[in-house]
C-alpha atoms as a PDB file:
ATOM      1  CA  UNK A   1      -0.002   0.064   0.057  1.00  0.00           C
ATOM      2  CA  UNK A   2       1.278   3.464  -0.878  1.00  0.00           C
ATOM      3  CA  UNK A   3       1.855   6.150   1.671  1.00  0.00           C
ATOM      4  CA  UNK A   4      -0.887   8.401   0.350  1.00  0.00           C
ATOM      5  CA  UNK A   5      -3.416   5.508   0.860  1.00  0.00           C
ATOM      6  CA  UNK A   6      -2.215   5.213   4.424  1.00  0.00           C
ATOM      7  CA  UNK A   7      -2.716   9.042   5.010  1.00  0.00           C
ATOM      8  CA  UNK A   8      -6.235   8.915   3.411  1.00  0.00           C
ATOM      9  CA  UNK A   9      -7.374   6.478   6.242  1.00  0.00           C
ATOM     10  CA  UNK A  10      -6.578   9.099   8.883  1.00  0.00           C
ATOM     11  CA  UNK A  11      -8.860  11.841  10.248  1.00  0.00           C
ATOM     12  CA  UNK A  12      -8.193  15.509   9.634  1.00  0.00           C
ATOM     13  CA  UNK A  13      -6.997  15.959  13.162  1.00  0.00           C
ATOM     14  CA  UNK A  14      -4.638  13.003  13.023  1.00  0.00           C
ATOM     15  CA  UNK A  15      -3.364  14.343   9.643  1.00  0.00           C
ATOM     16  CA  UNK A  16      -2.709  17.806  11.197  1.00  0.00           C
ATOM     17  CA  UNK A  17      -0.865  16.347  14.191  1.00  0.00           C
ATOM     18  CA  UNK A  18       1.282  14.081  11.841  1.00  0.00           C
ATOM     19  CA  UNK A  19       2.039  17.205   9.674  1.00  0.00           C
ATOM     20  CA  UNK A  20       3.126  19.124  12.792  1.00  0.00           C
ATOM     21  CA  UNK A  21       5.378  16.276  13.805  1.00  0.00           C
ATOM     22  CA  UNK A  22       6.997  16.108  10.432  1.00  0.00           C
ATOM     23  CA  UNK A  23       7.560  19.844  10.240  1.00  0.00           C
ATOM     24  CA  UNK A  24       9.321  19.701  13.654  1.00  0.00           C
ATOM     25  CA  UNK A  25      11.329  16.748  12.624  1.00  0.00           C
ATOM     26  CA  UNK A  26      12.362  18.503   9.353  1.00  0.00           C
ATOM     27  CA  UNK A  27      13.353  21.519  11.364  1.00  0.00           C
ATOM     28  CA  UNK A  28      15.524  19.363  13.642  1.00  0.00           C
ATOM     29  CA  UNK A  29      17.162  17.811  10.654  1.00  0.00           C
ATOM     30  CA  UNK A  30      17.893  21.116   9.085  1.00  0.00           C
ATOM     31  CA  UNK A  31      19.580  22.221  12.280  1.00  0.00           C
ATOM     32  CA  UNK A  32      21.735  19.112  12.216  1.00  0.00           C
ATOM     33  CA  UNK A  33      22.570  19.594   8.554  1.00  0.00           C
ATOM     34  CA  UNK A  34      23.710  23.228   9.207  1.00  0.00           C
ATOM     35  CA  UNK A  35      25.947  21.946  11.942  1.00  0.00           C
ATOM     36  CA  UNK A  36      27.394  19.182   9.743  1.00  0.00           C
ATOM     37  CA  UNK A  37      25.998  16.401  11.921  1.00  0.00           C
ATOM     38  CA  UNK A  38      23.322  15.101   9.629  1.00  0.00           C
ATOM     39  CA  UNK A  39      24.197  11.409   8.967  1.00  0.00           C
ATOM     40  CA  UNK A  40      21.201  10.599   6.765  1.00  0.00           C
ATOM     41  CA  UNK A  41      20.454  13.521   4.433  1.00  0.00           C
ATOM     42  CA  UNK A  42      17.902  11.522   2.431  1.00  0.00           C
ATOM     43  CA  UNK A  43      15.599  11.644   5.436  1.00  0.00           C
ATOM     44  CA  UNK A  44      15.066  15.384   5.004  1.00  0.00           C
ATOM     45  CA  UNK A  45      13.748  14.989   1.542  1.00  0.00           C
ATOM     46  CA  UNK A  46      11.573  12.063   2.565  1.00  0.00           C
ATOM     47  CA  UNK A  47      10.022  13.955   5.397  1.00  0.00           C
ATOM     48  CA  UNK A  48       9.302  17.096   3.153  1.00  0.00           C
ATOM     49  CA  UNK A  49       7.612  14.716   0.626  1.00  0.00           C
ATOM     50  CA  UNK A  50       5.487  13.057   3.369  1.00  0.00           C
ATOM     51  CA  UNK A  51       4.439  16.461   4.637  1.00  0.00           C
ATOM     52  CA  UNK A  52       3.417  17.361   1.125  1.00  0.00           C
ATOM     53  CA  UNK A  53       1.459  14.181   0.716  1.00  0.00           C
ATOM     54  CA  UNK A  54      -0.406  15.076   3.987  1.00  0.00           C
ATOM     55  CA  UNK A  55      -1.173  18.589   2.765  1.00  0.00           C
ATOM     56  CA  UNK A  56      -2.674  17.036  -0.458  1.00  0.00           C
ATOM     57  CA  UNK A  57      -4.870  14.597   1.514  1.00  0.00           C
ATOM     58  CA  UNK A  58      -5.932  17.383   3.905  1.00  0.00           C
ATOM     59  CA  UNK A  59      -6.962  19.621   0.945  1.00  0.00           C
ATOM     60  CA  UNK A  60      -8.982  16.717  -0.509  1.00  0.00           C
ATOM     61  CA  UNK A  61     -10.712  15.992   2.694  1.00  0.00           C
ATOM     62  CA  UNK A  62     -11.560  19.728   3.376  1.00  0.00           C
ATOM     63  CA  UNK A  63     -12.876  20.116  -0.136  1.00  0.00           C
ATOM     64  CA  UNK A  64     -15.059  16.957   0.219  1.00  0.00           C
ATOM     65  CA  UNK A  65     -16.374  18.255   3.544  1.00  0.00           C
ATOM     66  CA  UNK A  66     -17.220  21.622   1.912  1.00  0.00           C
ATOM     67  CA  UNK A  67     -19.115  19.987  -1.100  1.00  0.00           C
ATOM     68  CA  UNK A  68     -20.972  17.688   1.234  1.00  0.00           C
ATOM     69  CA  UNK A  69     -22.603  20.536   3.127  1.00  0.00           C
END
């Protein structure tokens, strides 16, 4: 199963919490990168992409909620 399908199963509140966690984690990785201590630079790209996937699913769910009213 793809990551986007996993995210579609979550509620809006769960998605927002996960997005917040990812943004915080990305911030910490950028700090490590600036200090030259980042051992796995590929994680930064992966986290940014996951956050973007969550943003996409959130937009879809919010649009669906608006059109259902």
